[in-house]
Amino acid sequence: MKTNNINGFTLVEILMVVMIIGIILSMSIPNYALIRERARITAEKMNMYNVGTVIESYFSEKGEYGIDFYEDYYGSYFPGGDPYANPQVMGKLPTNPWTGDIMDPDEFNPWDYDYPQEVSSDSIYGANDDDGYNPGEMRYGVYMPIGSGRITLWGLIGMDKQGQSIRSFDATGENVIIFVLHN
């Protein structure tokens, strides 16, 4: 009597392993896309914090919030810039996490809030719930009380992949909250 001692896998066993690997990959690929989108939103929020720091640095030195990116030389307050050089040296502006382009200073010039409470509005359909922008752009808004001639409040809104204000949910998971950075 002879016994067949076959070493190896059958075709059915190999197909089962390939099918299991395929199922695992199909479940992980959507998570990968979600992780990339969350990373881009986090990078956009970090850009907003950096710009907010620049706005406040400018204020601490000049005693006022600037209005025009070029005339007020905001760019020299970004990392690597030198506001005391003549002519002033522009720093490294933030990079758009969706396109990889450097922030366009023309997009940084402010628009006006009508009321002081709009600066910090984080509600859906509120003053900072906006769309129609390019992904990764920032909207810089200022509030200047009538007759004062000085900016007293500012707000930054970043745009997500759809060109809408970055949004999330409150702790209950029921209400949409717009992410807005302000003084």
C-alpha atoms as a PDB file:
ATOM      1  CA  MET A   1       0.000   0.000   0.000  1.00  0.00           C
ATOM      2  CA  LYS A   2       1.135   3.356  -1.001  1.00  0.00           C
ATOM      3  CA  THR A   3       0.071   6.577   0.708  1.00  0.00           C
ATOM      4  CA  ASN A   4       0.037   9.774  -1.238  1.00  0.00           C
ATOM      5  CA  ASN A   5       1.780  12.400   0.799  1.00  0.00           C
ATOM      6  CA  ILE A   6       0.920  15.602  -1.064  1.00  0.00           C
ATOM      7  CA  ASN A   7       2.454  18.788   0.272  1.00  0.00           C
ATOM      8  CA  GLY A   8       0.820  22.083  -0.695  1.00  0.00           C
ATOM      9  CA  PHE A   9      -2.540  23.779  -0.862  1.00  0.00           C
ATOM     10  CA  THR A  10      -5.525  22.952  -2.930  1.00  0.00           C
ATOM     11  CA  LEU A  11      -6.991  25.434  -5.366  1.00  0.00           C
ATOM     12  CA  VAL A  12     -10.040  25.905  -3.131  1.00  0.00           C
ATOM     13  CA  GLU A  13      -7.844  26.812  -0.148  1.00  0.00           C
ATOM     14  CA  ILE A  14      -5.907  29.385  -2.180  1.00  0.00           C
ATOM     15  CA  LEU A  15      -9.127  30.920  -3.532  1.00  0.00           C
ATOM     16  CA  MET A  16     -10.507  31.204  -0.001  1.00  0.00           C
ATOM     17  CA  VAL A  17      -7.388  33.039   1.213  1.00  0.00           C
ATOM     18  CA  VAL A  18      -7.503  35.428  -1.770  1.00  0.00           C
ATOM     19  CA  MET A  19     -11.207  36.068  -1.136  1.00  0.00           C
ATOM     20  CA  ILE A  20     -10.593  36.827   2.563  1.00  0.00           C
ATOM     21  CA  ILE A  21      -7.769  39.230   1.688  1.00  0.00           C
ATOM     22  CA  GLY A  22     -10.054  40.941  -0.840  1.00  0.00           C
ATOM     23  CA  ILE A  23     -12.790  41.400   1.753  1.00  0.00           C
ATOM     24  CA  ILE A  24     -10.338  42.891   4.254  1.00  0.00           C
ATOM     25  CA  LEU A  25      -8.965  45.310   1.633  1.00  0.00           C
ATOM     26  CA  SER A  26     -12.430  46.378   0.516  1.00  0.00           C
ATOM     27  CA  MET A  27     -13.277  47.298   4.104  1.00  0.00           C
ATOM     28  CA  SER A  28     -10.048  49.250   4.714  1.00  0.00           C
ATOM     29  CA  ILE A  29      -9.887  51.351   1.519  1.00  0.00           C
ATOM     30  CA  PRO A  30     -12.881  53.594   2.405  1.00  0.00           C
ATOM     31  CA  ASN A  31     -11.344  54.148   5.849  1.00  0.00           C
ATOM     32  CA  TYR A  32      -8.098  55.216   4.184  1.00  0.00           C
ATOM     33  CA  ALA A  33      -9.911  57.888   2.156  1.00  0.00           C
ATOM     34  CA  LEU A  34     -11.666  59.129   5.299  1.00  0.00           C
ATOM     35  CA  ILE A  35      -8.373  59.278   7.178  1.00  0.00           C
ATOM     36  CA  ARG A  36      -6.798  61.344   4.373  1.00  0.00           C
ATOM     37  CA  GLU A  37      -9.730  63.782   4.396  1.00  0.00           C
ATOM     38  CA  ARG A  38      -9.535  64.174   8.165  1.00  0.00           C
ATOM     39  CA  ALA A  39      -5.784  64.804   7.907  1.00  0.00           C
ATOM     40  CA  ARG A  40      -6.379  67.546   5.326  1.00  0.00           C
ATOM     41  CA  ILE A  41      -9.000  69.197   7.523  1.00  0.00           C
ATOM     42  CA  THR A  42      -6.587  69.048  10.465  1.00  0.00           C
ATOM     43  CA  ALA A  43      -3.887  70.645   8.291  1.00  0.00           C
ATOM     44  CA  GLU A  44      -6.335  73.390   7.281  1.00  0.00           C
ATOM     45  CA  LYS A  45      -7.157  74.037  10.937  1.00  0.00           C
ATOM     46  CA  MET A  46      -3.429  74.251  11.698  1.00  0.00           C
ATOM     47  CA  ASN A  47      -3.047  76.764   8.862  1.00  0.00           C
ATOM     48  CA  MET A  48      -5.839  78.790  10.426  1.00  0.00           C
ATOM     49  CA  TYR A  49      -4.085  78.739  13.814  1.00  0.00           C
ATOM     50  CA  ASN A  50      -0.852  79.893  12.164  1.00  0.00           C
ATOM     51  CA  VAL A  51      -2.635  82.753  10.396  1.00  0.00           C
ATOM     52  CA  GLY A  52      -4.384  83.648  13.663  1.00  0.00           C
ATOM     53  CA  THR A  53      -0.991  83.817  15.367  1.00  0.00           C
ATOM     54  CA  VAL A  54       0.256  86.119  12.615  1.00  0.00           C
ATOM     55  CA  ILE A  55      -2.788  88.383  13.026  1.00  0.00           C
ATOM     56  CA  GLU A  56      -2.202  88.629  16.774  1.00  0.00           C
ATOM     57  CA  SER A  57       1.575  89.108  16.347  1.00  0.00           C
ATOM     58  CA  TYR A  58       0.903  92.001  14.019  1.00  0.00           C
ATOM     59  CA  PHE A  59      -1.560  93.442  16.540  1.00  0.00           C
ATOM     60  CA  SER A  60       0.897  93.123  19.439  1.00  0.00           C
ATOM     61  CA  GLU A  61       3.523  95.083  17.504  1.00  0.00           C
ATOM     62  CA  LYS A  62       1.373  97.647  15.710  1.00  0.00           C
ATOM     63  CA  GLY A  63      -1.468  98.079  18.198  1.00  0.00           C
ATOM     64  CA  GLU A  64      -4.110  97.499  15.539  1.00  0.00           C
ATOM     65  CA  TYR A  65      -5.356  94.782  13.241  1.00  0.00           C
ATOM     66  CA  GLY A  66      -4.275  95.255   9.653  1.00  0.00           C
ATOM     67  CA  ILE A  67      -6.686  95.435   6.755  1.00  0.00           C
ATOM     68  CA  ASP A  68      -4.642  94.897   3.612  1.00  0.00           C
ATOM     69  CA  PHE A  69      -2.200  92.005   3.279  1.00  0.00           C
ATOM     70  CA  TYR A  70       0.247  93.931   1.088  1.00  0.00           C
ATOM     71  CA  GLU A  71       0.013  97.436   2.553  1.00  0.00           C
ATOM     72  CA  ASP A  72       0.132  96.207   6.140  1.00  0.00           C
ATOM     73  CA  TYR A  73       2.851  93.621   5.378  1.00  0.00           C
ATOM     74  CA  TYR A  74       1.161  90.711   7.121  1.00  0.00           C
ATOM     75  CA  GLY A  75       3.332  88.377   5.074  1.00  0.00           C
ATOM     76  CA  SER A  76       6.472  89.447   6.875  1.00  0.00           C
ATOM     77  CA  TYR A  77       5.016  88.101  10.135  1.00  0.00           C
ATOM     78  CA  PHE A  78       4.776  84.534   8.851  1.00  0.00           C
ATOM     79  CA  PRO A  79       7.623  82.156   9.809  1.00  0.00           C
ATOM     80  CA  GLY A  80      10.837  83.073   7.999  1.00  0.00           C
ATOM     81  CA  GLY A  81       9.741  86.652   7.351  1.00  0.00           C
ATOM     82  CA  ASP A  82      11.374  89.796   8.636  1.00  0.00           C
ATOM     83  CA  PRO A  83       9.099  92.780   9.311  1.00  0.00           C
ATOM     84  CA  TYR A  84      12.116  94.949  10.227  1.00  0.00           C
ATOM     85  CA  ALA A  85      14.066  94.471   6.995  1.00  0.00           C
ATOM     86  CA  ASN A  86      13.944  97.149   4.327  1.00  0.00           C
ATOM     87  CA  PRO A  87      12.153  96.079   2.191  1.00  0.00           C
ATOM     88  CA  GLN A  88      10.287  93.685   4.445  1.00  0.00           C
ATOM     89  CA  VAL A  89      10.864  89.985   3.748  1.00  0.00           C
ATOM     90  CA  MET A  90       7.772  87.826   3.201  1.00  0.00           C
ATOM     91  CA  GLY A  91       7.618  84.706   5.337  1.00  0.00           C
ATOM     92  CA  LYS A  92       6.465  81.255   4.322  1.00  0.00           C
ATOM     93  CA  LEU A  93       2.724  81.336   3.781  1.00  0.00           C
ATOM     94  CA  PRO A  94       0.620  78.248   4.592  1.00  0.00           C
ATOM     95  CA  THR A  95       0.193  75.514   1.990  1.00  0.00           C
ATOM     96  CA  ASN A  96      -3.272  74.439   0.862  1.00  0.00           C
ATOM     97  CA  PRO A  97      -3.665  70.796   2.007  1.00  0.00           C
ATOM     98  CA  TRP A  98      -5.864  69.863  -0.981  1.00  0.00           C
ATOM     99  CA  THR A  99      -3.906  71.465  -3.833  1.00  0.00           C
ATOM    100  CA  GLY A 100      -0.421  71.857  -2.395  1.00  0.00           C
ATOM    101  CA  ASP A 101      -0.387  75.515  -3.511  1.00  0.00           C
ATOM    102  CA  ILE A 102       0.861  78.279  -1.254  1.00  0.00           C
ATOM    103  CA  MET A 103      -1.842  80.568   0.153  1.00  0.00           C
ATOM    104  CA  ASP A 104      -2.747  83.408  -2.184  1.00  0.00           C
ATOM    105  CA  PRO A 105      -2.417  86.743  -0.329  1.00  0.00           C
ATOM    106  CA  ASP A 106      -5.263  88.174  -2.439  1.00  0.00           C
ATOM    107  CA  GLU A 107      -7.648  85.766  -0.707  1.00  0.00           C
ATOM    108  CA  PHE A 108      -6.537  87.067   2.683  1.00  0.00           C
ATOM    109  CA  ASN A 109      -7.883  90.600   2.394  1.00  0.00           C
ATOM    110  CA  PRO A 110     -10.814  90.900   4.769  1.00  0.00           C
ATOM    111  CA  TRP A 111     -14.512  91.275   4.241  1.00  0.00           C
ATOM    112  CA  ASP A 112     -16.707  92.922   6.855  1.00  0.00           C
ATOM    113  CA  TYR A 113     -18.950  91.348   9.453  1.00  0.00           C
ATOM    114  CA  ASP A 114     -22.127  93.341  10.019  1.00  0.00           C
ATOM    115  CA  TYR A 115     -22.503  92.506  13.715  1.00  0.00           C
ATOM    116  CA  PRO A 116     -19.944  91.601  16.402  1.00  0.00           C
ATOM    117  CA  GLN A 117     -21.648  88.287  17.242  1.00  0.00           C
ATOM    118  CA  GLU A 118     -21.147  87.090  13.649  1.00  0.00           C
ATOM    119  CA  VAL A 119     -17.391  86.835  14.215  1.00  0.00           C
ATOM    120  CA  SER A 120     -17.791  83.806  16.470  1.00  0.00           C
ATOM    121  CA  SER A 121     -20.977  82.330  14.974  1.00  0.00           C
ATOM    122  CA  ASP A 122     -20.538  78.553  14.712  1.00  0.00           C
ATOM    123  CA  SER A 123     -24.119  77.663  13.851  1.00  0.00           C
ATOM    124  CA  ILE A 124     -25.300  76.146  10.608  1.00  0.00           C
ATOM    125  CA  TYR A 125     -26.769  78.803   8.278  1.00  0.00           C
ATOM    126  CA  GLY A 126     -24.998  81.417  10.404  1.00  0.00           C
ATOM    127  CA  ALA A 127     -22.615  84.137   9.259  1.00  0.00           C
ATOM    128  CA  ASN A 128     -19.684  81.713   8.935  1.00  0.00           C
ATOM    129  CA  ASP A 129     -21.530  78.859   7.233  1.00  0.00           C
ATOM    130  CA  ASP A 130     -20.321  79.569   3.736  1.00  0.00           C
ATOM    131  CA  ASP A 131     -19.688  77.722   0.483  1.00  0.00           C
ATOM    132  CA  GLY A 132     -18.603  78.391  -3.066  1.00  0.00           C
ATOM    133  CA  TYR A 133     -14.912  78.650  -2.246  1.00  0.00           C
ATOM    134  CA  ASN A 134     -12.041  76.445  -3.370  1.00  0.00           C
ATOM    135  CA  PRO A 135     -10.982  73.632  -1.034  1.00  0.00           C
ATOM    136  CA  GLY A 136      -8.403  74.802   1.490  1.00  0.00           C
ATOM    137  CA  GLU A 137      -9.031  78.525   1.106  1.00  0.00           C
ATOM    138  CA  MET A 138      -9.485  80.714   4.164  1.00  0.00           C
ATOM    139  CA  ARG A 139     -11.926  83.545   4.621  1.00  0.00           C
ATOM    140  CA  TYR A 140     -10.717  86.370   6.841  1.00  0.00           C
ATOM    141  CA  GLY A 141     -13.445  88.604   8.261  1.00  0.00           C
ATOM    142  CA  VAL A 142     -13.239  91.667  10.461  1.00  0.00           C
ATOM    143  CA  TYR A 143     -15.666  93.739  12.482  1.00  0.00           C
ATOM    144  CA  MET A 144     -15.136  97.478  12.722  1.00  0.00           C
ATOM    145  CA  PRO A 145     -17.635  99.337  14.927  1.00  0.00           C
ATOM    146  CA  ILE A 146     -19.321 102.220  13.138  1.00  0.00           C
ATOM    147  CA  GLY A 147     -17.377 105.415  13.618  1.00  0.00           C
ATOM    148  CA  SER A 148     -14.357 103.800  15.281  1.00  0.00           C
ATOM    149  CA  GLY A 149     -12.164 103.297  12.223  1.00  0.00           C
ATOM    150  CA  ARG A 150     -10.409 100.393  13.986  1.00  0.00           C
ATOM    151  CA  ILE A 151     -10.900  96.663  13.692  1.00  0.00           C
ATOM    152  CA  THR A 152     -11.878  95.216  17.048  1.00  0.00           C
ATOM    153  CA  LEU A 153     -12.777  91.627  16.097  1.00  0.00           C
ATOM    154  CA  TRP A 154     -11.605  89.162  13.472  1.00  0.00           C
ATOM    155  CA  GLY A 155     -12.540  85.642  12.400  1.00  0.00           C
ATOM    156  CA  LEU A 156     -11.079  82.950  10.152  1.00  0.00           C
ATOM    157  CA  ILE A 157     -13.058  80.268   8.380  1.00  0.00           C
ATOM    158  CA  GLY A 158     -11.381  77.419   6.493  1.00  0.00           C
ATOM    159  CA  MET A 159     -12.955  75.563   3.585  1.00  0.00           C
ATOM    160  CA  ASP A 160     -13.190  71.780   3.248  1.00  0.00           C
ATOM    161  CA  LYS A 161     -13.108  69.492   0.187  1.00  0.00           C
ATOM    162  CA  GLN A 162     -16.499  70.733  -1.044  1.00  0.00           C
ATOM    163  CA  GLY A 163     -15.556  74.405  -0.597  1.00  0.00           C
ATOM    164  CA  GLN A 164     -17.819  74.726   2.451  1.00  0.00           C
ATOM    165  CA  SER A 165     -16.923  75.949   5.914  1.00  0.00           C
ATOM    166  CA  ILE A 166     -15.223  73.206   7.924  1.00  0.00           C
ATOM    167  CA  ARG A 167     -17.910  71.614  10.047  1.00  0.00           C
ATOM    168  CA  SER A 168     -18.244  68.957  12.688  1.00  0.00           C
ATOM    169  CA  PHE A 169     -20.807  67.874  15.263  1.00  0.00           C
ATOM    170  CA  ASP A 170     -21.304  68.871  18.876  1.00  0.00           C
ATOM    171  CA  ALA A 171     -20.761  66.408  21.737  1.00  0.00           C
ATOM    172  CA  THR A 172     -24.242  64.918  21.304  1.00  0.00           C
ATOM    173  CA  GLY A 173     -23.624  64.296  17.613  1.00  0.00           C
ATOM    174  CA  GLU A 174     -26.866  66.014  16.692  1.00  0.00           C
ATOM    175  CA  ASN A 175     -25.994  69.644  15.907  1.00  0.00           C
ATOM    176  CA  VAL A 176     -23.614  70.775  13.162  1.00  0.00           C
ATOM    177  CA  ILE A 177     -20.935  73.186  14.336  1.00  0.00           C
ATOM    178  CA  ILE A 178     -18.927  75.415  12.004  1.00  0.00           C
ATOM    179  CA  PHE A 179     -15.237  75.611  12.903  1.00  0.00           C
ATOM    180  CA  VAL A 180     -14.326  79.292  13.220  1.00  0.00           C
ATOM    181  CA  LEU A 181     -11.181  80.758  14.726  1.00  0.00           C
ATOM    182  CA  HIS A 182     -11.550  84.259  16.185  1.00  0.00           C
ATOM    183  CA  ASN A 183     -10.205  86.671  18.782  1.00  0.00           C
END
